C-alpha atoms as a PDB file:
ATOM      1  CA  UNK A   1      35.141  17.222 -55.191  1.00  0.00           C
ATOM      2  CA  UNK A   2      33.337  18.110 -51.977  1.00  0.00           C
ATOM      3  CA  UNK A   3      35.203  18.245 -48.730  1.00  0.00           C
ATOM      4  CA  UNK A   4      33.560  17.797 -45.329  1.00  0.00           C
ATOM      5  CA  UNK A   5      34.436  20.313 -42.693  1.00  0.00           C
ATOM      6  CA  UNK A   6      34.909  19.539 -39.047  1.00  0.00           C
ATOM      7  CA  UNK A   7      32.771  21.582 -36.641  1.00  0.00           C
ATOM      8  CA  UNK A   8      34.583  24.520 -35.126  1.00  0.00           C
ATOM      9  CA  UNK A   9      36.215  23.892 -31.788  1.00  0.00           C
ATOM     10  CA  UNK A  10      34.106  26.628 -30.179  1.00  0.00           C
ATOM     11  CA  UNK A  11      30.898  24.932 -31.327  1.00  0.00           C
ATOM     12  CA  UNK A  12      32.011  21.593 -29.919  1.00  0.00           C
ATOM     13  CA  UNK A  13      32.832  23.231 -26.598  1.00  0.00           C
ATOM     14  CA  UNK A  14      29.430  24.901 -26.464  1.00  0.00           C
ATOM     15  CA  UNK A  15      27.623  21.628 -27.172  1.00  0.00           C
ATOM     16  CA  UNK A  16      29.638  19.884 -24.469  1.00  0.00           C
ATOM     17  CA  UNK A  17      28.747  22.594 -21.961  1.00  0.00           C
ATOM     18  CA  UNK A  18      25.050  22.368 -22.847  1.00  0.00           C
ATOM     19  CA  UNK A  19      25.182  18.608 -22.396  1.00  0.00           C
ATOM     20  CA  UNK A  20      26.780  18.977 -18.964  1.00  0.00           C
ATOM     21  CA  UNK A  21      24.211  21.570 -17.902  1.00  0.00           C
ATOM     22  CA  UNK A  22      21.341  19.305 -19.013  1.00  0.00           C
ATOM     23  CA  UNK A  23      22.767  16.391 -17.082  1.00  0.00           C
ATOM     24  CA  UNK A  24      23.343  18.432 -13.944  1.00  0.00           C
ATOM     25  CA  UNK A  25      19.795  19.824 -14.145  1.00  0.00           C
ATOM     26  CA  UNK A  26      18.218  16.345 -13.944  1.00  0.00           C
ATOM     27  CA  UNK A  27      16.663  15.893 -10.478  1.00  0.00           C
ATOM     28  CA  UNK A  28      17.990  13.017  -8.368  1.00  0.00           C
ATOM     29  CA  UNK A  29      15.813   9.950  -8.034  1.00  0.00           C
ATOM     30  CA  UNK A  30      14.087   9.673  -4.630  1.00  0.00           C
ATOM     31  CA  UNK A  31      12.773   6.392  -3.290  1.00  0.00           C
ATOM     32  CA  UNK A  32       9.791   5.992  -0.978  1.00  0.00           C
ATOM     33  CA  UNK A  33       8.252   3.230   1.088  1.00  0.00           C
ATOM     34  CA  UNK A  34       4.954   2.739   2.889  1.00  0.00           C
ATOM     35  CA  UNK A  35       5.054   2.235   6.661  1.00  0.00           C
ATOM     36  CA  UNK A  36       2.657   0.789   9.223  1.00  0.00           C
ATOM     37  CA  UNK A  37       0.404   3.259  11.035  1.00  0.00           C
ATOM     38  CA  UNK A  38      -0.351   3.222  14.763  1.00  0.00           C
ATOM     39  CA  UNK A  39      -3.968   2.454  15.793  1.00  0.00           C
ATOM     40  CA  UNK A  40      -6.128   5.530  16.318  1.00  0.00           C
ATOM     41  CA  UNK A  41      -7.635   6.368  19.707  1.00  0.00           C
ATOM     42  CA  UNK A  42      -6.261   3.206  21.253  1.00  0.00           C
ATOM     43  CA  UNK A  43      -8.128   1.036  18.735  1.00  0.00           C
ATOM     44  CA  UNK A  44      -7.018  -2.488  19.481  1.00  0.00           C
ATOM     45  CA  UNK A  45      -8.994  -5.658  20.057  1.00  0.00           C
ATOM     46  CA  UNK A  46      -6.936  -7.220  22.820  1.00  0.00           C
ATOM     47  CA  UNK A  47      -7.318 -10.208  25.103  1.00  0.00           C
ATOM     48  CA  UNK A  48      -6.097 -10.532  28.674  1.00  0.00           C
ATOM     49  CA  UNK A  49      -4.418 -13.892  28.058  1.00  0.00           C
ATOM     50  CA  UNK A  50      -2.604 -12.773  24.923  1.00  0.00           C
ATOM     51  CA  UNK A  51      -4.095 -15.765  23.101  1.00  0.00           C
ATOM     52  CA  UNK A  52      -6.366 -15.846  20.064  1.00  0.00           C
ATOM     53  CA  UNK A  53     -10.027 -15.665  21.201  1.00  0.00           C
ATOM     54  CA  UNK A  54     -11.728 -19.071  21.253  1.00  0.00           C
ATOM     55  CA  UNK A  55     -14.331 -18.082  18.658  1.00  0.00           C
ATOM     56  CA  UNK A  56     -11.776 -16.738  16.157  1.00  0.00           C
ATOM     57  CA  UNK A  57      -9.500 -18.295  13.558  1.00  0.00           C
ATOM     58  CA  UNK A  58      -6.218 -16.851  12.395  1.00  0.00           C
ATOM     59  CA  UNK A  59      -6.443 -14.516   9.388  1.00  0.00           C
ATOM     60  CA  UNK A  60      -3.967 -14.340   6.535  1.00  0.00           C
ATOM     61  CA  UNK A  61      -3.923 -11.468   4.074  1.00  0.00           C
ATOM     62  CA  UNK A  62      -3.668 -12.746   0.506  1.00  0.00           C
ATOM     63  CA  UNK A  63      -1.685 -10.956  -2.271  1.00  0.00           C
ATOM     64  CA  UNK A  64      -3.247  -7.553  -2.934  1.00  0.00           C
ATOM     65  CA  UNK A  65      -4.550  -6.615  -6.380  1.00  0.00           C
ATOM     66  CA  UNK A  66      -3.952  -3.051  -7.609  1.00  0.00           C
ATOM     67  CA  UNK A  67      -5.094  -1.272 -10.807  1.00  0.00           C
ATOM     68  CA  UNK A  68      -2.713  -1.382 -13.808  1.00  0.00           C
ATOM     69  CA  UNK A  69      -2.134   2.382 -13.670  1.00  0.00           C
ATOM     70  CA  UNK A  70      -0.682   1.996 -10.158  1.00  0.00           C
ATOM     71  CA  UNK A  71       1.354  -1.097 -10.952  1.00  0.00           C
ATOM     72  CA  UNK A  72       4.591   0.778 -11.591  1.00  0.00           C
ATOM     73  CA  UNK A  73       7.605   1.947  -9.612  1.00  0.00           C
ATOM     74  CA  UNK A  74       6.944   5.646 -10.269  1.00  0.00           C
ATOM     75  CA  UNK A  75       4.681   7.484  -7.814  1.00  0.00           C
ATOM     76  CA  UNK A  76       1.272   8.279  -9.296  1.00  0.00           C
ATOM     77  CA  UNK A  77      -0.706  11.210  -7.888  1.00  0.00           C
ATOM     78  CA  UNK A  78      -4.033  12.790  -8.805  1.00  0.00           C
ATOM     79  CA  UNK A  79      -3.683  16.074 -10.707  1.00  0.00           C
ATOM     80  CA  UNK A  80      -7.303  16.608 -11.802  1.00  0.00           C
ATOM     81  CA  UNK A  81     -10.691  14.915 -12.300  1.00  0.00           C
ATOM     82  CA  UNK A  82      -9.424  12.930 -15.295  1.00  0.00           C
ATOM     83  CA  UNK A  83      -5.678  13.295 -14.940  1.00  0.00           C
ATOM     84  CA  UNK A  84      -2.839  11.717 -12.998  1.00  0.00           C
ATOM     85  CA  UNK A  85       0.746  12.794 -12.581  1.00  0.00           C
ATOM     86  CA  UNK A  86       3.583  10.295 -12.897  1.00  0.00           C
ATOM     87  CA  UNK A  87       6.870  11.560 -11.500  1.00  0.00           C
ATOM     88  CA  UNK A  88       9.863   9.714 -12.886  1.00  0.00           C
ATOM     89  CA  UNK A  89      12.212  11.023 -10.176  1.00  0.00           C
ATOM     90  CA  UNK A  90       9.921   9.837  -7.323  1.00  0.00           C
ATOM     91  CA  UNK A  91       9.757   6.059  -7.127  1.00  0.00           C
ATOM     92  CA  UNK A  92       8.664   3.280  -4.816  1.00  0.00           C
ATOM     93  CA  UNK A  93      11.517   1.301  -3.289  1.00  0.00           C
ATOM     94  CA  UNK A  94       9.556  -1.936  -3.879  1.00  0.00           C
ATOM     95  CA  UNK A  95       6.454  -2.936  -5.892  1.00  0.00           C
ATOM     96  CA  UNK A  96       3.405  -1.115  -4.552  1.00  0.00           C
ATOM     97  CA  UNK A  97       1.191  -4.207  -4.232  1.00  0.00           C
ATOM     98  CA  UNK A  98       3.802  -5.958  -2.080  1.00  0.00           C
ATOM     99  CA  UNK A  99       4.195  -2.887   0.129  1.00  0.00           C
ATOM    100  CA  UNK A 100       0.436  -2.567   0.619  1.00  0.00           C
ATOM    101  CA  UNK A 101       0.175  -6.210   1.652  1.00  0.00           C
ATOM    102  CA  UNK A 102       3.063  -5.961   4.109  1.00  0.00           C
ATOM    103  CA  UNK A 103       1.905  -2.707   5.694  1.00  0.00           C
ATOM    104  CA  UNK A 104      -1.769  -3.663   5.885  1.00  0.00           C
ATOM    105  CA  UNK A 105      -0.881  -7.000   7.469  1.00  0.00           C
ATOM    106  CA  UNK A 106       1.232  -5.183  10.092  1.00  0.00           C
ATOM    107  CA  UNK A 107      -1.566  -2.658  10.662  1.00  0.00           C
ATOM    108  CA  UNK A 108      -4.093  -5.430  11.258  1.00  0.00           C
ATOM    109  CA  UNK A 109      -1.734  -7.194  13.662  1.00  0.00           C
ATOM    110  CA  UNK A 110      -1.450  -3.951  15.658  1.00  0.00           C
ATOM    111  CA  UNK A 111      -5.234  -3.649  15.924  1.00  0.00           C
ATOM    112  CA  UNK A 112      -6.229  -7.250  16.648  1.00  0.00           C
ATOM    113  CA  UNK A 113      -5.477  -9.638  19.512  1.00  0.00           C
ATOM    114  CA  UNK A 114      -1.979 -11.146  19.494  1.00  0.00           C
ATOM    115  CA  UNK A 115      -1.399 -14.026  17.076  1.00  0.00           C
ATOM    116  CA  UNK A 116      -4.686 -13.458  15.227  1.00  0.00           C
ATOM    117  CA  UNK A 117      -2.937 -12.272  12.026  1.00  0.00           C
ATOM    118  CA  UNK A 118      -0.675 -14.756  10.286  1.00  0.00           C
ATOM    119  CA  UNK A 119       2.569 -13.910   8.552  1.00  0.00           C
ATOM    120  CA  UNK A 120       1.456 -13.307   4.932  1.00  0.00           C
ATOM    121  CA  UNK A 121       4.521 -15.253   3.755  1.00  0.00           C
ATOM    122  CA  UNK A 122       4.074 -18.224   6.078  1.00  0.00           C
ATOM    123  CA  UNK A 123       4.708 -21.681   4.574  1.00  0.00           C
ATOM    124  CA  UNK A 124       1.745 -23.811   3.600  1.00  0.00           C
ATOM    125  CA  UNK A 125       0.190 -25.834   6.435  1.00  0.00           C
ATOM    126  CA  UNK A 126      -3.034 -27.551   7.439  1.00  0.00           C
ATOM    127  CA  UNK A 127      -3.804 -25.007  10.159  1.00  0.00           C
ATOM    128  CA  UNK A 128      -7.235 -23.384   9.723  1.00  0.00           C
ATOM    129  CA  UNK A 129      -7.031 -19.934   8.214  1.00  0.00           C
ATOM    130  CA  UNK A 130      -9.482 -17.242   7.277  1.00  0.00           C
ATOM    131  CA  UNK A 131      -8.319 -15.660   4.027  1.00  0.00           C
ATOM    132  CA  UNK A 132      -8.649 -11.916   3.503  1.00  0.00           C
ATOM    133  CA  UNK A 133      -8.467 -10.816  -0.141  1.00  0.00           C
ATOM    134  CA  UNK A 134      -8.253  -7.139  -1.091  1.00  0.00           C
ATOM    135  CA  UNK A 135      -8.570  -5.529  -4.516  1.00  0.00           C
ATOM    136  CA  UNK A 136      -7.610  -1.859  -4.609  1.00  0.00           C
ATOM    137  CA  UNK A 137      -9.862   0.083  -6.987  1.00  0.00           C
ATOM    138  CA  UNK A 138      -8.486   3.558  -6.269  1.00  0.00           C
ATOM    139  CA  UNK A 139      -5.508   4.766  -4.262  1.00  0.00           C
ATOM    140  CA  UNK A 140      -4.349   8.321  -4.956  1.00  0.00           C
ATOM    141  CA  UNK A 141      -3.071  11.389  -3.176  1.00  0.00           C
ATOM    142  CA  UNK A 142      -3.199  14.846  -4.739  1.00  0.00           C
ATOM    143  CA  UNK A 143      -0.852  17.820  -4.508  1.00  0.00           C
ATOM    144  CA  UNK A 144      -2.140  18.642  -0.997  1.00  0.00           C
ATOM    145  CA  UNK A 145      -1.837  14.983   0.101  1.00  0.00           C
ATOM    146  CA  UNK A 146      -5.620  14.558   0.290  1.00  0.00           C
ATOM    147  CA  UNK A 147      -5.898  10.799  -0.170  1.00  0.00           C
ATOM    148  CA  UNK A 148      -8.641   8.558  -1.510  1.00  0.00           C
ATOM    149  CA  UNK A 149      -8.527   4.801  -0.974  1.00  0.00           C
ATOM    150  CA  UNK A 150     -11.284   2.533  -2.262  1.00  0.00           C
ATOM    151  CA  UNK A 151     -10.951  -1.202  -1.814  1.00  0.00           C
ATOM    152  CA  UNK A 152     -13.116  -4.286  -2.273  1.00  0.00           C
ATOM    153  CA  UNK A 153     -12.524  -7.048   0.264  1.00  0.00           C
ATOM    154  CA  UNK A 154     -13.547 -10.668   0.735  1.00  0.00           C
ATOM    155  CA  UNK A 155     -13.140 -12.553   4.007  1.00  0.00           C
ATOM    156  CA  UNK A 156     -13.415 -16.310   3.508  1.00  0.00           C
ATOM    157  CA  UNK A 157     -14.127 -18.457   6.539  1.00  0.00           C
ATOM    158  CA  UNK A 158     -12.583 -21.821   7.350  1.00  0.00           C
ATOM    159  CA  UNK A 159     -15.659 -23.685   6.111  1.00  0.00           C
ATOM    160  CA  UNK A 160     -15.793 -21.924   2.748  1.00  0.00           C
ATOM    161  CA  UNK A 161     -18.339 -19.252   3.634  1.00  0.00           C
ATOM    162  CA  UNK A 162     -17.440 -15.692   2.711  1.00  0.00           C
ATOM    163  CA  UNK A 163     -18.289 -12.112   3.497  1.00  0.00           C
ATOM    164  CA  UNK A 164     -17.749  -9.226   1.087  1.00  0.00           C
ATOM    165  CA  UNK A 165     -17.686  -5.476   1.271  1.00  0.00           C
ATOM    166  CA  UNK A 166     -16.279  -2.219  -0.063  1.00  0.00           C
ATOM    167  CA  UNK A 167     -14.505   0.424   1.976  1.00  0.00           C
ATOM    168  CA  UNK A 168     -13.740   3.989   0.945  1.00  0.00           C
ATOM    169  CA  UNK A 169     -11.326   6.084   2.966  1.00  0.00           C
ATOM    170  CA  UNK A 170     -11.050   9.843   2.499  1.00  0.00           C
ATOM    171  CA  UNK A 171      -8.097  11.445   4.219  1.00  0.00           C
ATOM    172  CA  UNK A 172      -7.985  15.272   4.211  1.00  0.00           C
ATOM    173  CA  UNK A 173      -4.889  16.976   2.914  1.00  0.00           C
ATOM    174  CA  UNK A 174      -2.623  19.700   4.223  1.00  0.00           C
ATOM    175  CA  UNK A 175      -0.658  22.419   2.497  1.00  0.00           C
ATOM    176  CA  UNK A 176       2.214  22.362   1.833  1.00  0.00           C
ATOM    177  CA  UNK A 177       2.663  18.673   1.107  1.00  0.00           C
ATOM    178  CA  UNK A 178       6.337  18.205   0.341  1.00  0.00           C
ATOM    179  CA  UNK A 179       7.576  14.603   0.092  1.00  0.00           C
ATOM    180  CA  UNK A 180       4.594  13.441   2.189  1.00  0.00           C
ATOM    181  CA  UNK A 181       2.541  11.411  -0.287  1.00  0.00           C
ATOM    182  CA  UNK A 182       3.911   8.110   1.027  1.00  0.00           C
ATOM    183  CA  UNK A 183       3.030   9.147   4.593  1.00  0.00           C
ATOM    184  CA  UNK A 184      -0.496  10.147   3.561  1.00  0.00           C
ATOM    185  CA  UNK A 185      -1.037   6.833   1.767  1.00  0.00           C
ATOM    186  CA  UNK A 186       0.321   4.939   4.783  1.00  0.00           C
ATOM    187  CA  UNK A 187      -2.168   6.772   7.003  1.00  0.00           C
ATOM    188  CA  UNK A 188      -5.029   5.850   4.662  1.00  0.00           C
ATOM    189  CA  UNK A 189      -4.045   2.178   4.905  1.00  0.00           C
ATOM    190  CA  UNK A 190      -4.160   2.493   8.688  1.00  0.00           C
ATOM    191  CA  UNK A 191      -7.709   3.856   8.471  1.00  0.00           C
ATOM    192  CA  UNK A 192      -8.664   0.922   6.235  1.00  0.00           C
ATOM    193  CA  UNK A 193      -7.142  -1.470   8.785  1.00  0.00           C
ATOM    194  CA  UNK A 194      -9.354   0.064  11.508  1.00  0.00           C
ATOM    195  CA  UNK A 195     -12.457  -0.945   9.567  1.00  0.00           C
ATOM    196  CA  UNK A 196     -11.214  -4.368   8.510  1.00  0.00           C
ATOM    197  CA  UNK A 197     -10.244  -5.230  12.085  1.00  0.00           C
ATOM    198  CA  UNK A 198     -13.858  -4.716  13.164  1.00  0.00           C
ATOM    199  CA  UNK A 199     -15.064  -6.977  10.350  1.00  0.00           C
ATOM    200  CA  UNK A 200     -12.595  -9.706  11.300  1.00  0.00           C
ATOM    201  CA  UNK A 201     -13.581  -9.680  14.975  1.00  0.00           C
ATOM    202  CA  UNK A 202     -17.272  -9.811  14.094  1.00  0.00           C
ATOM    203  CA  UNK A 203     -16.940 -13.013  12.044  1.00  0.00           C
ATOM    204  CA  UNK A 204     -17.120 -16.136  14.249  1.00  0.00           C
ATOM    205  CA  UNK A 205     -15.231 -19.285  13.387  1.00  0.00           C
ATOM    206  CA  UNK A 206     -16.910 -22.616  12.623  1.00  0.00           C
ATOM    207  CA  UNK A 207     -16.995 -25.514  15.072  1.00  0.00           C
ATOM    208  CA  UNK A 208     -14.552 -27.457  12.883  1.00  0.00           C
ATOM    209  CA  UNK A 209     -11.956 -24.706  13.151  1.00  0.00           C
ATOM    210  CA  UNK A 210     -12.531 -24.363  16.892  1.00  0.00           C
ATOM    211  CA  UNK A 211     -11.989 -28.111  17.374  1.00  0.00           C
ATOM    212  CA  UNK A 212      -8.767 -27.934  15.353  1.00  0.00           C
ATOM    213  CA  UNK A 213      -7.269 -25.283  17.613  1.00  0.00           C
END
């Protein structure tokens, strides 16, 4: 008749110590958020009256589309030509697509005349709106915080006409780059907002939208 033996007390103590060491060695989870970026070189399309220019219609940024590999709470960084690094202990505090929309909308509002950018979460209304849609194709920072942002955009006018384009932003890095990926990505969004603000100001509004103002 076989008899099972209990593990020695010393072995159990050693396993418990190893378990505690493993747990204590796990890095704490850090949470990051994107933030709006101030206009560069005083870039701002202002108006003396503080009102929306007569030949412009208010713009609303639609929900932003991001690639599936970025649609996660963990931070994703570029580690090589065909490789990315996903850090489980570094996470976004909110979904990345929602943060991009919020920050980019704030960036545009800081670069355009007052009241020209609508609250992206405004309730539905019959007020004329130009709709800005953005699809992010690439948005990565590497270990030195060099950042690449490539985005396709569509600006639809109030009469159904549309204008399309692609913007690519290259932001140089700096070494060391400790805990600065979110700041580098925020800066890249500000550079994208500089370009989109020029596009928005260059598109006139239709007579129907002007009459509705």
